[in-house]
Amino acid sequence: DLINLKRLYLESNFLKNLPYELGKLNIEDLGLNNNPLGDHILSLFARPNGTREVMNYLREKWNLLCSFSKMSSYKMPLSWDNTEIDPNENNSNI
């Protein structure tokens, strides 16, 4: 794990999504400009504390997926497309 990584600059890399696993890191300065990321991530990043907002979002999603995987035999993929998961819906096709 890269727990000591503080800065991660990913500008202009044609990223469409971010893996939730990034939430495990302690990133303080995140560069995401000029990437076709989803509206939700872009709106979080545009806030005054954008890096913190994005990292908190990724961390929450990562923790949710980890607890979900402990409750089932479902194997988590290496990365997700940042699609919101509704726990009240049948998500068997995810």
PDB file of N, CA and C in Angstrom:
ATOM      1  N   ASP A   1       0.829  -1.199   0.000  1.00  0.00           N
ATOM      2  CA  ASP A   1       0.000   0.000   0.000  1.00  0.00           C
ATOM      3  C   ASP A   1       0.867   1.255   0.000  1.00  0.00           C
ATOM      4  N   LEU A   2       0.359   2.275  -0.600  1.00  0.00           N
ATOM      5  CA  LEU A   2       1.072   3.557  -0.693  1.00  0.00           C
ATOM      6  C   LEU A   2       0.547   4.529   0.360  1.00  0.00           C
ATOM      7  N   ILE A   3       0.542   4.112   1.617  1.00  0.00           N
ATOM      8  CA  ILE A   3      -0.096   4.912   2.660  1.00  0.00           C
ATOM      9  C   ILE A   3       0.589   6.250   2.893  1.00  0.00           C
ATOM     10  N   ASN A   4       1.827   6.404   2.494  1.00  0.00           N
ATOM     11  CA  ASN A   4       2.534   7.670   2.682  1.00  0.00           C
ATOM     12  C   ASN A   4       2.403   8.620   1.498  1.00  0.00           C
ATOM     13  N   LEU A   5       1.720   8.188   0.442  1.00  0.00           N
ATOM     14  CA  LEU A   5       1.543   9.033  -0.736  1.00  0.00           C
ATOM     15  C   LEU A   5       0.618  10.201  -0.394  1.00  0.00           C
ATOM     16  N   LYS A   6       1.076  11.419  -0.576  1.00  0.00           N
ATOM     17  CA  LYS A   6       0.296  12.615  -0.234  1.00  0.00           C
ATOM     18  C   LYS A   6      -0.207  13.354  -1.461  1.00  0.00           C
ATOM     19  N   ARG A   7       0.503  13.252  -2.572  1.00  0.00           N
ATOM     20  CA  ARG A   7       0.124  13.973  -3.797  1.00  0.00           C
ATOM     21  C   ARG A   7      -0.010  12.983  -4.946  1.00  0.00           C
ATOM     22  N   LEU A   8      -1.103  13.137  -5.696  1.00  0.00           N
ATOM     23  CA  LEU A   8      -1.336  12.273  -6.847  1.00  0.00           C
ATOM     24  C   LEU A   8      -1.922  13.125  -7.962  1.00  0.00           C
ATOM     25  N   TYR A   9      -1.149  13.317  -9.013  1.00  0.00           N
ATOM     26  CA  TYR A   9      -1.566  14.170 -10.123  1.00  0.00           C
ATOM     27  C   TYR A   9      -1.924  13.295 -11.320  1.00  0.00           C
ATOM     28  N   LEU A  10      -3.188  13.316 -11.684  1.00  0.00           N
ATOM     29  CA  LEU A  10      -3.713  12.469 -12.759  1.00  0.00           C
ATOM     30  C   LEU A  10      -4.327  13.283 -13.887  1.00  0.00           C
ATOM     31  N   GLU A  11      -3.935  14.538 -14.021  1.00  0.00           N
ATOM     32  CA  GLU A  11      -4.506  15.415 -15.036  1.00  0.00           C
ATOM     33  C   GLU A  11      -4.303  14.856 -16.440  1.00  0.00           C
ATOM     34  N   SER A  12      -5.313  15.086 -17.283  1.00  0.00           N
ATOM     35  CA  SER A  12      -5.245  14.775 -18.721  1.00  0.00           C
ATOM     36  C   SER A  12      -4.861  13.324 -19.009  1.00  0.00           C
ATOM     37  N   ASN A  13      -5.475  12.402 -18.303  1.00  0.00           N
ATOM     38  CA  ASN A  13      -5.206  10.982 -18.508  1.00  0.00           C
ATOM     39  C   ASN A  13      -6.420  10.230 -19.041  1.00  0.00           C
ATOM     40  N   PHE A  14      -7.429  10.952 -19.493  1.00  0.00           N
ATOM     41  CA  PHE A  14      -8.637  10.346 -20.065  1.00  0.00           C
ATOM     42  C   PHE A  14      -9.335   9.399 -19.091  1.00  0.00           C
ATOM     43  N   LEU A  15      -9.247   9.701 -17.787  1.00  0.00           N
ATOM     44  CA  LEU A  15      -9.882   8.856 -16.774  1.00  0.00           C
ATOM     45  C   LEU A  15     -11.389   9.073 -16.785  1.00  0.00           C
ATOM     46  N   LYS A  16     -12.134   7.985 -16.850  1.00  0.00           N
ATOM     47  CA  LYS A  16     -13.593   8.056 -16.792  1.00  0.00           C
ATOM     48  C   LYS A  16     -14.104   7.724 -15.401  1.00  0.00           C
ATOM     49  N   ASN A  17     -13.298   7.082 -14.591  1.00  0.00           N
ATOM     50  CA  ASN A  17     -13.685   6.739 -13.226  1.00  0.00           C
ATOM     51  C   ASN A  17     -12.440   6.590 -12.371  1.00  0.00           C
ATOM     52  N   LEU A  18     -12.669   6.513 -11.073  1.00  0.00           N
ATOM     53  CA  LEU A  18     -11.586   6.321 -10.118  1.00  0.00           C
ATOM     54  C   LEU A  18     -11.879   5.061  -9.317  1.00  0.00           C
ATOM     55  N   PRO A  19     -10.887   4.247  -9.059  1.00  0.00           N
ATOM     56  CA  PRO A  19     -11.135   3.052  -8.240  1.00  0.00           C
ATOM     57  C   PRO A  19     -11.383   3.456  -6.788  1.00  0.00           C
ATOM     58  N   TYR A  20     -12.357   2.803  -6.171  1.00  0.00           N
ATOM     59  CA  TYR A  20     -12.664   3.100  -4.773  1.00  0.00           C
ATOM     60  C   TYR A  20     -11.473   2.825  -3.865  1.00  0.00           C
ATOM     61  N   GLU A  21     -10.569   1.944  -4.277  1.00  0.00           N
ATOM     62  CA  GLU A  21      -9.391   1.619  -3.479  1.00  0.00           C
ATOM     63  C   GLU A  21      -8.529   2.841  -3.187  1.00  0.00           C
ATOM     64  N   LEU A  22      -8.630   3.873  -4.007  1.00  0.00           N
ATOM     65  CA  LEU A  22      -7.883   5.111  -3.725  1.00  0.00           C
ATOM     66  C   LEU A  22      -8.264   5.679  -2.362  1.00  0.00           C
ATOM     67  N   GLY A  23      -9.464   5.373  -1.903  1.00  0.00           N
ATOM     68  CA  GLY A  23      -9.922   5.845  -0.596  1.00  0.00           C
ATOM     69  C   GLY A  23      -9.097   5.317   0.559  1.00  0.00           C
ATOM     70  N   LYS A  24      -8.306   4.277   0.330  1.00  0.00           N
ATOM     71  CA  LYS A  24      -7.434   3.738   1.375  1.00  0.00           C
ATOM     72  C   LYS A  24      -6.204   4.613   1.590  1.00  0.00           C
ATOM     73  N   LEU A  25      -5.925   5.486   0.632  1.00  0.00           N
ATOM     74  CA  LEU A  25      -4.718   6.312   0.695  1.00  0.00           C
ATOM     75  C   LEU A  25      -4.968   7.604   1.458  1.00  0.00           C
ATOM     76  N   ASN A  26      -3.898   8.267   1.830  1.00  0.00           N
ATOM     77  CA  ASN A  26      -3.974   9.530   2.574  1.00  0.00           C
ATOM     78  C   ASN A  26      -3.619  10.710   1.674  1.00  0.00           C
ATOM     79  N   ILE A  27      -4.242  10.761   0.514  1.00  0.00           N
ATOM     80  CA  ILE A  27      -3.964  11.814  -0.464  1.00  0.00           C
ATOM     81  C   ILE A  27      -4.446  13.162   0.070  1.00  0.00           C
ATOM     82  N   GLU A  28      -3.570  14.150   0.039  1.00  0.00           N
ATOM     83  CA  GLU A  28      -3.913  15.510   0.451  1.00  0.00           C
ATOM     84  C   GLU A  28      -4.036  16.452  -0.739  1.00  0.00           C
ATOM     85  N   ASP A  29      -3.407  16.112  -1.843  1.00  0.00           N
ATOM     86  CA  ASP A  29      -3.427  16.951  -3.038  1.00  0.00           C
ATOM     87  C   ASP A  29      -3.660  16.048  -4.244  1.00  0.00           C
ATOM     88  N   LEU A  30      -4.835  16.174  -4.844  1.00  0.00           N
ATOM     89  CA  LEU A  30      -5.241  15.309  -5.944  1.00  0.00           C
ATOM     90  C   LEU A  30      -5.479  16.155  -7.184  1.00  0.00           C
ATOM     91  N   GLY A  31      -4.856  15.792  -8.276  1.00  0.00           N
ATOM     92  CA  GLY A  31      -5.049  16.505  -9.536  1.00  0.00           C
ATOM     93  C   GLY A  31      -5.891  15.672 -10.488  1.00  0.00           C
ATOM     94  N   LEU A  32      -7.079  16.174 -10.837  1.00  0.00           N
ATOM     95  CA  LEU A  32      -7.995  15.430 -11.704  1.00  0.00           C
ATOM     96  C   LEU A  32      -8.439  16.213 -12.928  1.00  0.00           C
ATOM     97  N   ASN A  33      -7.953  17.409 -13.112  1.00  0.00           N
ATOM     98  CA  ASN A  33      -8.424  18.251 -14.215  1.00  0.00           C
ATOM     99  C   ASN A  33      -8.222  17.582 -15.570  1.00  0.00           C
ATOM    100  N   ASN A  34      -9.098  17.953 -16.499  1.00  0.00           N
ATOM    101  CA  ASN A  34      -9.032  17.480 -17.889  1.00  0.00           C
ATOM    102  C   ASN A  34      -9.176  15.966 -18.021  1.00  0.00           C
ATOM    103  N   ASN A  35     -10.081  15.394 -17.235  1.00  0.00           N
ATOM    104  CA  ASN A  35     -10.449  13.989 -17.338  1.00  0.00           C
ATOM    105  C   ASN A  35     -11.965  13.910 -17.475  1.00  0.00           C
ATOM    106  N   PRO A  36     -12.482  12.990 -18.287  1.00  0.00           N
ATOM    107  CA  PRO A  36     -13.933  12.859 -18.456  1.00  0.00           C
ATOM    108  C   PRO A  36     -14.585  12.042 -17.339  1.00  0.00           C
ATOM    109  N   LEU A  37     -14.352  12.456 -16.099  1.00  0.00           N
ATOM    110  CA  LEU A  37     -14.923  11.760 -14.949  1.00  0.00           C
ATOM    111  C   LEU A  37     -16.417  12.034 -14.851  1.00  0.00           C
ATOM    112  N   GLY A  38     -17.112  11.214 -14.081  1.00  0.00           N
ATOM    113  CA  GLY A  38     -18.547  11.381 -13.897  1.00  0.00           C
ATOM    114  C   GLY A  38     -18.883  12.689 -13.196  1.00  0.00           C
ATOM    115  N   ASP A  39     -20.122  13.130 -13.383  1.00  0.00           N
ATOM    116  CA  ASP A  39     -20.577  14.398 -12.808  1.00  0.00           C
ATOM    117  C   ASP A  39     -20.441  14.444 -11.294  1.00  0.00           C
ATOM    118  N   HIS A  40     -20.711  13.317 -10.620  1.00  0.00           N
ATOM    119  CA  HIS A  40     -20.657  13.323  -9.157  1.00  0.00           C
ATOM    120  C   HIS A  40     -19.238  13.595  -8.659  1.00  0.00           C
ATOM    121  N   ILE A  41     -18.272  12.904  -9.208  1.00  0.00           N
ATOM    122  CA  ILE A  41     -16.872  13.116  -8.807  1.00  0.00           C
ATOM    123  C   ILE A  41     -16.441  14.540  -9.139  1.00  0.00           C
ATOM    124  N   LEU A  42     -16.800  15.017 -10.319  1.00  0.00           N
ATOM    125  CA  LEU A  42     -16.413  16.377 -10.716  1.00  0.00           C
ATOM    126  C   LEU A  42     -17.041  17.426  -9.812  1.00  0.00           C
ATOM    127  N   SER A  43     -18.289  17.209  -9.387  1.00  0.00           N
ATOM    128  CA  SER A  43     -18.930  18.186  -8.496  1.00  0.00           C
ATOM    129  C   SER A  43     -18.277  18.176  -7.121  1.00  0.00           C
ATOM    130  N   LEU A  44     -17.875  17.016  -6.641  1.00  0.00           N
ATOM    131  CA  LEU A  44     -17.150  16.951  -5.365  1.00  0.00           C
ATOM    132  C   LEU A  44     -15.805  17.650  -5.485  1.00  0.00           C
ATOM    133  N   PHE A  45     -15.108  17.398  -6.575  1.00  0.00           N
ATOM    134  CA  PHE A  45     -13.778  17.970  -6.772  1.00  0.00           C
ATOM    135  C   PHE A  45     -13.828  19.491  -6.924  1.00  0.00           C
ATOM    136  N   ALA A  46     -14.940  20.021  -7.421  1.00  0.00           N
ATOM    137  CA  ALA A  46     -15.077  21.465  -7.628  1.00  0.00           C
ATOM    138  C   ALA A  46     -15.325  22.223  -6.321  1.00  0.00           C
ATOM    139  N   ARG A  47     -15.634  21.537  -5.254  1.00  0.00           N
ATOM    140  CA  ARG A  47     -15.884  22.192  -3.962  1.00  0.00           C
ATOM    141  C   ARG A  47     -14.575  22.750  -3.396  1.00  0.00           C
ATOM    142  N   PRO A  48     -14.681  23.674  -2.423  1.00  0.00           N
ATOM    143  CA  PRO A  48     -13.469  24.286  -1.851  1.00  0.00           C
ATOM    144  C   PRO A  48     -12.448  23.268  -1.320  1.00  0.00           C
ATOM    145  N   ASN A  49     -12.913  22.203  -0.706  1.00  0.00           N
ATOM    146  CA  ASN A  49     -12.014  21.145  -0.220  1.00  0.00           C
ATOM    147  C   ASN A  49     -12.169  19.914  -1.103  1.00  0.00           C
ATOM    148  N   GLY A  50     -12.033  20.104  -2.410  1.00  0.00           N
ATOM    149  CA  GLY A  50     -12.326  19.066  -3.388  1.00  0.00           C
ATOM    150  C   GLY A  50     -11.580  17.767  -3.191  1.00  0.00           C
ATOM    151  N   THR A  51     -10.295  17.853  -2.930  1.00  0.00           N
ATOM    152  CA  THR A  51      -9.526  16.623  -2.724  1.00  0.00           C
ATOM    153  C   THR A  51     -10.084  15.845  -1.547  1.00  0.00           C
ATOM    154  N   ARG A  52     -10.323  16.524  -0.445  1.00  0.00           N
ATOM    155  CA  ARG A  52     -10.857  15.858   0.743  1.00  0.00           C
ATOM    156  C   ARG A  52     -12.231  15.261   0.463  1.00  0.00           C
ATOM    157  N   GLU A  53     -13.070  16.001  -0.268  1.00  0.00           N
ATOM    158  CA  GLU A  53     -14.415  15.517  -0.604  1.00  0.00           C
ATOM    159  C   GLU A  53     -14.341  14.240  -1.444  1.00  0.00           C
ATOM    160  N   VAL A  54     -13.505  14.247  -2.458  1.00  0.00           N
ATOM    161  CA  VAL A  54     -13.368  13.068  -3.325  1.00  0.00           C
ATOM    162  C   VAL A  54     -12.803  11.895  -2.534  1.00  0.00           C
ATOM    163  N   MET A  55     -11.781  12.138  -1.740  1.00  0.00           N
ATOM    164  CA  MET A  55     -11.175  11.055  -0.971  1.00  0.00           C
ATOM    165  C   MET A  55     -12.152  10.484   0.050  1.00  0.00           C
ATOM    166  N   ASN A  56     -12.948  11.330   0.698  1.00  0.00           N
ATOM    167  CA  ASN A  56     -13.960  10.840   1.637  1.00  0.00           C
ATOM    168  C   ASN A  56     -14.995   9.988   0.923  1.00  0.00           C
ATOM    169  N   TYR A  57     -15.431  10.428  -0.247  1.00  0.00           N
ATOM    170  CA  TYR A  57     -16.401   9.671  -1.048  1.00  0.00           C
ATOM    171  C   TYR A  57     -15.833   8.293  -1.414  1.00  0.00           C
ATOM    172  N   LEU A  58     -14.612   8.270  -1.921  1.00  0.00           N
ATOM    173  CA  LEU A  58     -13.990   6.999  -2.302  1.00  0.00           C
ATOM    174  C   LEU A  58     -13.803   6.089  -1.092  1.00  0.00           C
ATOM    175  N   ARG A  59     -13.428   6.686   0.049  1.00  0.00           N
ATOM    176  CA  ARG A  59     -13.231   5.911   1.277  1.00  0.00           C
ATOM    177  C   ARG A  59     -14.549   5.303   1.754  1.00  0.00           C
ATOM    178  N   GLU A  60     -15.626   6.096   1.722  1.00  0.00           N
ATOM    179  CA  GLU A  60     -16.939   5.579   2.123  1.00  0.00           C
ATOM    180  C   GLU A  60     -17.369   4.428   1.226  1.00  0.00           C
ATOM    181  N   LYS A  61     -17.192   4.589  -0.080  1.00  0.00           N
ATOM    182  CA  LYS A  61     -17.574   3.535  -1.023  1.00  0.00           C
ATOM    183  C   LYS A  61     -16.710   2.293  -0.832  1.00  0.00           C
ATOM    184  N   TRP A  62     -15.419   2.475  -0.603  1.00  0.00           N
ATOM    185  CA  TRP A  62     -14.530   1.342  -0.383  1.00  0.00           C
ATOM    186  C   TRP A  62     -14.952   0.580   0.874  1.00  0.00           C
ATOM    187  N   ASN A  63     -15.220   1.302   1.959  1.00  0.00           N
ATOM    188  CA  ASN A  63     -15.645   0.660   3.200  1.00  0.00           C
ATOM    189  C   ASN A  63     -16.968  -0.072   3.022  1.00  0.00           C
ATOM    190  N   LEU A  64     -17.897   0.527   2.280  1.00  0.00           N
ATOM    191  CA  LEU A  64     -19.180  -0.116   2.006  1.00  0.00           C
ATOM    192  C   LEU A  64     -18.971  -1.417   1.228  1.00  0.00           C
ATOM    193  N   LEU A  65     -18.141  -1.371   0.217  1.00  0.00           N
ATOM    194  CA  LEU A  65     -17.885  -2.569  -0.577  1.00  0.00           C
ATOM    195  C   LEU A  65     -17.170  -3.645   0.229  1.00  0.00           C
ATOM    196  N   CYS A  66     -16.272  -3.240   1.106  1.00  0.00           N
ATOM    197  CA  CYS A  66     -15.575  -4.215   1.949  1.00  0.00           C
ATOM    198  C   CYS A  66     -16.547  -4.896   2.897  1.00  0.00           C
ATOM    199  N   SER A  67     -17.447  -4.128   3.519  1.00  0.00           N
ATOM    200  CA  SER A  67     -18.416  -4.746   4.417  1.00  0.00           C
ATOM    201  C   SER A  67     -19.403  -5.600   3.641  1.00  0.00           C
ATOM    202  N   PHE A  68     -19.749  -5.194   2.426  1.00  0.00           N
ATOM    203  CA  PHE A  68     -20.637  -5.989   1.584  1.00  0.00           C
ATOM    204  C   PHE A  68     -19.978  -7.318   1.228  1.00  0.00           C
ATOM    205  N   SER A  69     -18.696  -7.278   0.916  1.00  0.00           N
ATOM    206  CA  SER A  69     -18.003  -8.510   0.522  1.00  0.00           C
ATOM    207  C   SER A  69     -17.857  -9.465   1.698  1.00  0.00           C
ATOM    208  N   LYS A  70     -17.782  -8.936   2.909  1.00  0.00           N
ATOM    209  CA  LYS A  70     -17.687  -9.798   4.090  1.00  0.00           C
ATOM    210  C   LYS A  70     -19.004 -10.512   4.357  1.00  0.00           C
ATOM    211  N   MET A  71     -20.110  -9.911   3.916  1.00  0.00           N
ATOM    212  CA  MET A  71     -21.427 -10.500   4.154  1.00  0.00           C
ATOM    213  C   MET A  71     -21.828 -11.481   3.065  1.00  0.00           C
ATOM    214  N   SER A  72     -21.085 -11.543   1.995  1.00  0.00           N
ATOM    215  CA  SER A  72     -21.464 -12.422   0.892  1.00  0.00           C
ATOM    216  C   SER A  72     -20.229 -13.095   0.316  1.00  0.00           C
ATOM    217  N   SER A  73     -20.459 -13.979  -0.589  1.00  0.00           N
ATOM    218  CA  SER A  73     -19.344 -14.645  -1.257  1.00  0.00           C
ATOM    219  C   SER A  73     -18.955 -13.919  -2.532  1.00  0.00           C
ATOM    220  N   TYR A  74     -19.515 -12.715  -2.727  1.00  0.00           N
ATOM    221  CA  TYR A  74     -19.257 -11.917  -3.920  1.00  0.00           C
ATOM    222  C   TYR A  74     -17.802 -11.487  -3.949  1.00  0.00           C
ATOM    223  N   LYS A  75     -17.159 -11.655  -5.073  1.00  0.00           N
ATOM    224  CA  LYS A  75     -15.771 -11.218  -5.228  1.00  0.00           C
ATOM    225  C   LYS A  75     -15.757  -9.825  -5.837  1.00  0.00           C
ATOM    226  N   MET A  76     -15.057  -8.907  -5.176  1.00  0.00           N
ATOM    227  CA  MET A  76     -14.989  -7.535  -5.658  1.00  0.00           C
ATOM    228  C   MET A  76     -14.036  -7.432  -6.834  1.00  0.00           C
ATOM    229  N   PRO A  77     -14.406  -6.664  -7.849  1.00  0.00           N
ATOM    230  CA  PRO A  77     -13.462  -6.417  -8.942  1.00  0.00           C
ATOM    231  C   PRO A  77     -12.356  -5.482  -8.473  1.00  0.00           C
ATOM    232  N   LEU A  78     -11.310  -5.378  -9.253  1.00  0.00           N
ATOM    233  CA  LEU A  78     -10.202  -4.502  -8.884  1.00  0.00           C
ATOM    234  C   LEU A  78     -10.594  -3.038  -8.913  1.00  0.00           C
ATOM    235  N   SER A  79     -11.541  -2.659  -9.762  1.00  0.00           N
ATOM    236  CA  SER A  79     -12.001  -1.273  -9.779  1.00  0.00           C
ATOM    237  C   SER A  79     -13.466  -1.243 -10.170  1.00  0.00           C
ATOM    238  N   TRP A  80     -14.093  -0.134  -9.869  1.00  0.00           N
ATOM    239  CA  TRP A  80     -15.515   0.064 -10.110  1.00  0.00           C
ATOM    240  C   TRP A  80     -15.692   1.274 -10.995  1.00  0.00           C
ATOM    241  N   ASP A  81     -16.873   1.399 -11.565  1.00  0.00           N
ATOM    242  CA  ASP A  81     -17.123   2.533 -12.453  1.00  0.00           C
ATOM    243  C   ASP A  81     -17.773   3.708 -11.735  1.00  0.00           C
ATOM    244  N   ASN A  82     -17.736   3.713 -10.398  1.00  0.00           N
ATOM    245  CA  ASN A  82     -18.304   4.782  -9.574  1.00  0.00           C
ATOM    246  C   ASN A  82     -19.805   4.925  -9.754  1.00  0.00           C
ATOM    247  N   THR A  83     -20.477   3.855 -10.182  1.00  0.00           N
ATOM    248  CA  THR A  83     -21.924   3.851 -10.277  1.00  0.00           C
ATOM    249  C   THR A  83     -22.488   3.727  -8.873  1.00  0.00           C
ATOM    250  N   GLU A  84     -23.487   4.528  -8.582  1.00  0.00           N
ATOM    251  CA  GLU A  84     -24.117   4.453  -7.275  1.00  0.00           C
ATOM    252  C   GLU A  84     -24.867   3.130  -7.141  1.00  0.00           C
ATOM    253  N   ILE A  85     -24.732   2.473  -6.003  1.00  0.00           N
ATOM    254  CA  ILE A  85     -25.421   1.223  -5.740  1.00  0.00           C
ATOM    255  C   ILE A  85     -26.544   1.495  -4.755  1.00  0.00           C
ATOM    256  N   ASP A  86     -27.759   1.155  -5.143  1.00  0.00           N
ATOM    257  CA  ASP A  86     -28.919   1.320  -4.278  1.00  0.00           C
ATOM    258  C   ASP A  86     -29.125   0.017  -3.523  1.00  0.00           C
ATOM    259  N   PRO A  87     -28.951   0.008  -2.181  1.00  0.00           N
ATOM    260  CA  PRO A  87     -29.079  -1.236  -1.421  1.00  0.00           C
ATOM    261  C   PRO A  87     -30.498  -1.799  -1.440  1.00  0.00           C
ATOM    262  N   ASN A  88     -31.480  -0.998  -1.851  1.00  0.00           N
ATOM    263  CA  ASN A  88     -32.862  -1.458  -1.896  1.00  0.00           C
ATOM    264  C   ASN A  88     -33.214  -2.135  -3.212  1.00  0.00           C
ATOM    265  N   GLU A  89     -32.317  -2.109  -4.173  1.00  0.00           N
ATOM    266  CA  GLU A  89     -32.568  -2.718  -5.471  1.00  0.00           C
ATOM    267  C   GLU A  89     -31.823  -4.036  -5.582  1.00  0.00           C
ATOM    268  N   ASN A  90     -32.306  -4.880  -6.474  1.00  0.00           N
ATOM    269  CA  ASN A  90     -31.608  -6.122  -6.769  1.00  0.00           C
ATOM    270  C   ASN A  90     -30.438  -5.785  -7.681  1.00  0.00           C
ATOM    271  N   ASN A  91     -29.241  -5.876  -7.151  1.00  0.00           N
ATOM    272  CA  ASN A  91     -28.041  -5.520  -7.904  1.00  0.00           C
ATOM    273  C   ASN A  91     -27.285  -6.763  -8.349  1.00  0.00           C
ATOM    274  N   SER A  92     -27.996  -7.822  -8.655  1.00  0.00           N
ATOM    275  CA  SER A  92     -27.345  -9.084  -8.989  1.00  0.00           C
ATOM    276  C   SER A  92     -26.545  -9.016 -10.282  1.00  0.00           C
ATOM    277  N   ASN A  93     -26.810  -8.016 -11.115  1.00  0.00           N
ATOM    278  CA  ASN A  93     -26.069  -7.916 -12.372  1.00  0.00           C
ATOM    279  C   ASN A  93     -24.835  -7.042 -12.265  1.00  0.00           C
ATOM    280  N   ILE A  94     -24.477  -6.614 -11.078  1.00  0.00           N
ATOM    281  CA  ILE A  94     -23.299  -5.759 -10.894  1.00  0.00           C
ATOM    282  C   ILE A  94     -22.060  -6.624 -10.880  1.00  0.00           C
TER     283      ILE A  94
END
